[in-house]
């Protein structure tokens, strides 16, 4: 089993979402797990909230992006992701 570990024990996440990779605007069907995991993360020690983007095929590696948010995201927060062409 593969999993993603955060840098210390006082880091928690909520609101996971999977975003599939697309090729030229068409969703790829060959590899359904090819994409990114988006997670809202909170550091209890520093009271810092971030969005982590993790490549699904490298789940046990480092996040490819960490975006610091201006305020705390509450636990239990859920997001909605929509394609640009809705």
N, C-alpha and C. Protein backbone atom coordinates (compact mmCIF):
# COMPACT_ATOMS: atom_id res chain seq x y z
N UNK A 1 0.84 -1.17 0.00
CA UNK A 1 0.00 0.00 0.00
C UNK A 1 0.89 1.25 0.00
N UNK A 2 0.54 2.20 -0.81
CA UNK A 2 1.29 3.45 -0.89
C UNK A 2 0.51 4.56 -0.19
N UNK A 3 1.20 5.46 0.49
CA UNK A 3 0.52 6.57 1.17
C UNK A 3 1.43 7.79 1.17
N UNK A 4 0.83 8.94 1.46
CA UNK A 4 1.57 10.20 1.54
C UNK A 4 1.72 10.57 3.01
N UNK A 5 2.94 10.86 3.44
CA UNK A 5 3.20 11.24 4.82
C UNK A 5 3.56 12.73 4.88
N UNK A 6 3.01 13.43 5.85
CA UNK A 6 3.33 14.84 6.05
C UNK A 6 4.61 14.97 6.88
N UNK A 7 5.16 16.19 6.91
CA UNK A 7 6.48 16.40 7.51
C UNK A 7 6.54 16.18 9.02
N UNK A 8 5.42 16.31 9.73
CA UNK A 8 5.44 16.01 11.16
C UNK A 8 4.07 15.52 11.61
N UNK A 9 3.98 15.11 12.87
CA UNK A 9 2.74 14.49 13.36
C UNK A 9 1.61 15.47 13.66
N UNK A 10 1.88 16.76 13.68
CA UNK A 10 0.83 17.76 13.95
C UNK A 10 0.34 18.44 12.68
N UNK A 11 0.38 17.71 11.56
CA UNK A 11 -0.13 18.21 10.29
C UNK A 11 -1.29 17.30 9.89
N UNK A 12 -2.44 17.91 9.60
CA UNK A 12 -3.65 17.16 9.29
C UNK A 12 -4.28 17.69 8.01
N UNK A 13 -4.99 16.82 7.29
CA UNK A 13 -5.61 17.27 6.05
C UNK A 13 -7.09 16.93 6.02
N UNK A 14 -7.80 17.61 5.15
CA UNK A 14 -9.23 17.39 4.96
C UNK A 14 -9.57 17.79 3.52
N UNK A 15 -10.70 17.38 3.06
CA UNK A 15 -11.19 17.81 1.76
C UNK A 15 -10.38 17.34 0.58
N UNK A 16 -10.03 16.05 0.54
CA UNK A 16 -9.25 15.53 -0.58
C UNK A 16 -10.09 15.48 -1.86
N UNK A 17 -9.44 15.80 -2.97
CA UNK A 17 -10.10 15.70 -4.28
C UNK A 17 -9.09 15.16 -5.28
N UNK A 18 -9.57 14.36 -6.22
CA UNK A 18 -8.73 13.84 -7.29
C UNK A 18 -9.06 14.60 -8.57
N UNK A 19 -8.01 15.11 -9.25
CA UNK A 19 -8.17 15.84 -10.50
C UNK A 19 -7.44 15.05 -11.58
N UNK A 20 -8.19 14.46 -12.54
CA UNK A 20 -7.52 13.66 -13.58
C UNK A 20 -6.76 14.53 -14.56
N UNK A 21 -5.65 13.97 -15.09
CA UNK A 21 -4.91 14.66 -16.15
C UNK A 21 -5.72 14.53 -17.44
N UNK A 22 -5.62 15.54 -18.26
CA UNK A 22 -6.29 15.53 -19.55
C UNK A 22 -5.26 15.71 -20.65
N UNK A 23 -5.56 15.18 -21.80
CA UNK A 23 -4.69 15.33 -22.96
C UNK A 23 -5.45 16.06 -24.05
N UNK A 24 -5.02 17.26 -24.38
CA UNK A 24 -5.64 18.09 -25.40
C UNK A 24 -7.14 18.24 -25.17
N UNK A 25 -7.53 18.48 -23.92
CA UNK A 25 -8.93 18.72 -23.60
C UNK A 25 -9.79 17.47 -23.55
N UNK A 26 -9.21 16.29 -23.79
CA UNK A 26 -9.97 15.04 -23.74
C UNK A 26 -9.44 14.22 -22.59
N UNK A 27 -10.34 13.75 -21.75
CA UNK A 27 -9.93 12.97 -20.59
C UNK A 27 -9.29 11.65 -21.03
N UNK A 28 -8.16 11.31 -20.42
CA UNK A 28 -7.46 10.06 -20.74
C UNK A 28 -8.18 8.90 -20.07
N UNK A 29 -8.43 7.85 -20.81
CA UNK A 29 -9.13 6.69 -20.26
C UNK A 29 -8.19 5.53 -19.94
N UNK A 30 -6.97 5.54 -20.51
CA UNK A 30 -6.06 4.41 -20.32
C UNK A 30 -5.65 4.23 -18.86
N UNK A 31 -5.35 5.32 -18.18
CA UNK A 31 -4.86 5.25 -16.82
C UNK A 31 -5.74 6.12 -15.92
N UNK A 32 -6.72 5.51 -15.31
CA UNK A 32 -7.69 6.28 -14.55
C UNK A 32 -7.12 6.92 -13.29
N UNK A 33 -5.94 6.46 -12.83
CA UNK A 33 -5.33 7.06 -11.63
C UNK A 33 -4.26 8.09 -11.98
N UNK A 34 -4.18 8.51 -13.24
CA UNK A 34 -3.19 9.50 -13.66
C UNK A 34 -3.75 10.90 -13.41
N UNK A 35 -3.21 11.57 -12.40
CA UNK A 35 -3.70 12.90 -12.06
C UNK A 35 -3.08 13.39 -10.76
N UNK A 36 -3.78 14.30 -10.11
CA UNK A 36 -3.28 14.92 -8.88
C UNK A 36 -4.30 14.78 -7.77
N UNK A 37 -3.79 14.77 -6.54
CA UNK A 37 -4.64 14.84 -5.36
C UNK A 37 -4.46 16.22 -4.77
N UNK A 38 -5.57 16.89 -4.52
CA UNK A 38 -5.58 18.22 -3.92
C UNK A 38 -6.04 18.05 -2.46
N UNK A 39 -5.26 18.55 -1.51
CA UNK A 39 -5.60 18.39 -0.10
C UNK A 39 -5.46 19.73 0.63
N UNK A 40 -6.44 20.04 1.46
CA UNK A 40 -6.34 21.19 2.36
C UNK A 40 -5.64 20.70 3.61
N UNK A 41 -4.55 21.35 3.99
CA UNK A 41 -3.67 20.89 5.07
C UNK A 41 -3.57 21.98 6.13
N UNK A 42 -3.58 21.56 7.40
CA UNK A 42 -3.41 22.52 8.50
C UNK A 42 -2.28 22.05 9.41
N UNK A 43 -1.35 22.97 9.71
CA UNK A 43 -0.23 22.72 10.62
C UNK A 43 -0.65 23.24 12.00
N UNK A 44 -0.92 22.34 12.91
CA UNK A 44 -1.37 22.72 14.26
C UNK A 44 -0.31 23.52 15.02
N UNK A 45 0.96 23.20 14.83
CA UNK A 45 2.03 23.89 15.56
C UNK A 45 2.16 25.36 15.18
N UNK A 46 1.93 25.68 13.92
CA UNK A 46 2.13 27.05 13.44
C UNK A 46 0.82 27.75 13.06
N UNK A 47 -0.31 27.02 13.12
CA UNK A 47 -1.63 27.53 12.74
C UNK A 47 -1.65 27.99 11.27
N UNK A 48 -0.89 27.30 10.43
CA UNK A 48 -0.77 27.63 9.01
C UNK A 48 -1.62 26.66 8.19
N UNK A 49 -2.41 27.19 7.26
CA UNK A 49 -3.19 26.35 6.34
C UNK A 49 -2.61 26.45 4.95
N UNK A 50 -2.61 25.33 4.24
CA UNK A 50 -2.07 25.28 2.88
C UNK A 50 -2.94 24.36 2.03
N UNK A 51 -2.77 24.50 0.72
CA UNK A 51 -3.28 23.53 -0.24
C UNK A 51 -2.07 22.78 -0.76
N UNK A 52 -2.10 21.45 -0.69
CA UNK A 52 -1.02 20.63 -1.22
C UNK A 52 -1.51 19.95 -2.49
N UNK A 53 -0.68 19.95 -3.52
CA UNK A 53 -0.98 19.25 -4.75
C UNK A 53 0.03 18.11 -4.86
N UNK A 54 -0.50 16.89 -4.91
CA UNK A 54 0.33 15.69 -4.87
C UNK A 54 0.07 14.89 -6.14
N UNK A 55 1.14 14.51 -6.83
CA UNK A 55 0.97 13.69 -8.03
C UNK A 55 0.59 12.28 -7.61
N UNK A 56 -0.52 11.78 -8.12
CA UNK A 56 -1.04 10.48 -7.70
C UNK A 56 -0.05 9.35 -7.95
N UNK A 57 0.67 9.38 -9.06
CA UNK A 57 1.60 8.30 -9.36
C UNK A 57 2.88 8.37 -8.52
N UNK A 58 3.06 9.46 -7.77
CA UNK A 58 4.20 9.61 -6.87
C UNK A 58 3.68 9.95 -5.48
N UNK A 59 2.66 9.21 -5.04
CA UNK A 59 1.95 9.50 -3.81
C UNK A 59 2.86 9.57 -2.59
N UNK A 60 3.87 8.74 -2.52
CA UNK A 60 4.75 8.74 -1.34
C UNK A 60 5.82 9.82 -1.41
N UNK A 61 5.90 10.57 -2.51
CA UNK A 61 6.89 11.63 -2.65
C UNK A 61 6.41 12.96 -2.08
N UNK A 62 7.19 13.99 -2.31
CA UNK A 62 6.84 15.34 -1.87
C UNK A 62 5.68 15.90 -2.69
N UNK A 63 4.94 16.82 -2.11
CA UNK A 63 3.91 17.55 -2.86
C UNK A 63 4.59 18.36 -3.96
N UNK A 64 3.98 18.43 -5.14
CA UNK A 64 4.58 19.20 -6.23
C UNK A 64 4.32 20.69 -6.05
N UNK A 65 3.34 21.04 -5.22
CA UNK A 65 3.08 22.45 -4.90
C UNK A 65 2.44 22.55 -3.53
N UNK A 66 2.81 23.61 -2.80
CA UNK A 66 2.22 23.93 -1.50
C UNK A 66 1.85 25.40 -1.54
N UNK A 67 0.56 25.68 -1.44
CA UNK A 67 0.07 27.05 -1.53
C UNK A 67 -0.41 27.48 -0.15
N UNK A 68 0.23 28.49 0.43
CA UNK A 68 -0.15 28.97 1.76
C UNK A 68 -1.40 29.85 1.64
N UNK A 69 -2.36 29.60 2.52
CA UNK A 69 -3.62 30.33 2.51
C UNK A 69 -3.61 31.44 3.56
N UNK A 70 -4.39 32.50 3.36
CA UNK A 70 -4.37 33.63 4.29
C UNK A 70 -5.09 33.39 5.61
N UNK A 71 -5.86 32.30 5.70
CA UNK A 71 -6.58 32.01 6.95
C UNK A 71 -6.72 30.51 7.11
N UNK A 72 -7.13 30.09 8.31
CA UNK A 72 -7.29 28.66 8.59
C UNK A 72 -8.50 28.11 7.85
N UNK A 73 -8.33 26.94 7.26
CA UNK A 73 -9.43 26.22 6.64
C UNK A 73 -9.96 25.26 7.71
N UNK A 74 -11.25 25.34 8.02
CA UNK A 74 -11.78 24.49 9.10
C UNK A 74 -11.77 23.01 8.71
N UNK A 75 -11.58 22.14 9.72
CA UNK A 75 -11.66 20.71 9.48
C UNK A 75 -13.07 20.38 9.01
N UNK A 76 -13.17 19.46 8.07
CA UNK A 76 -14.47 19.11 7.51
C UNK A 76 -14.82 19.91 6.28
N UNK A 77 -13.95 20.84 5.88
CA UNK A 77 -14.19 21.66 4.69
C UNK A 77 -14.18 20.77 3.46
N UNK A 78 -15.12 21.00 2.55
CA UNK A 78 -15.18 20.25 1.29
C UNK A 78 -15.20 21.24 0.14
N UNK A 79 -14.57 20.86 -0.94
CA UNK A 79 -14.46 21.76 -2.09
C UNK A 79 -15.24 21.19 -3.27
N UNK A 80 -15.44 22.04 -4.27
CA UNK A 80 -16.04 21.62 -5.53
C UNK A 80 -15.11 22.09 -6.63
N UNK A 81 -14.65 21.18 -7.46
CA UNK A 81 -13.79 21.51 -8.58
C UNK A 81 -14.60 21.35 -9.85
N UNK A 82 -14.55 22.37 -10.72
CA UNK A 82 -15.30 22.32 -11.97
C UNK A 82 -14.36 22.62 -13.13
N UNK A 83 -14.60 21.97 -14.26
CA UNK A 83 -13.78 22.29 -15.44
C UNK A 83 -14.05 23.71 -15.89
N UNK A 84 -13.08 24.33 -16.54
CA UNK A 84 -13.23 25.71 -17.00
C UNK A 84 -14.40 25.83 -17.98
N UNK A 85 -14.63 24.82 -18.77
CA UNK A 85 -15.67 24.88 -19.81
C UNK A 85 -17.02 24.37 -19.32
N UNK A 86 -17.45 24.79 -18.13
CA UNK A 86 -18.73 24.29 -17.61
C UNK A 86 -19.87 24.96 -18.24
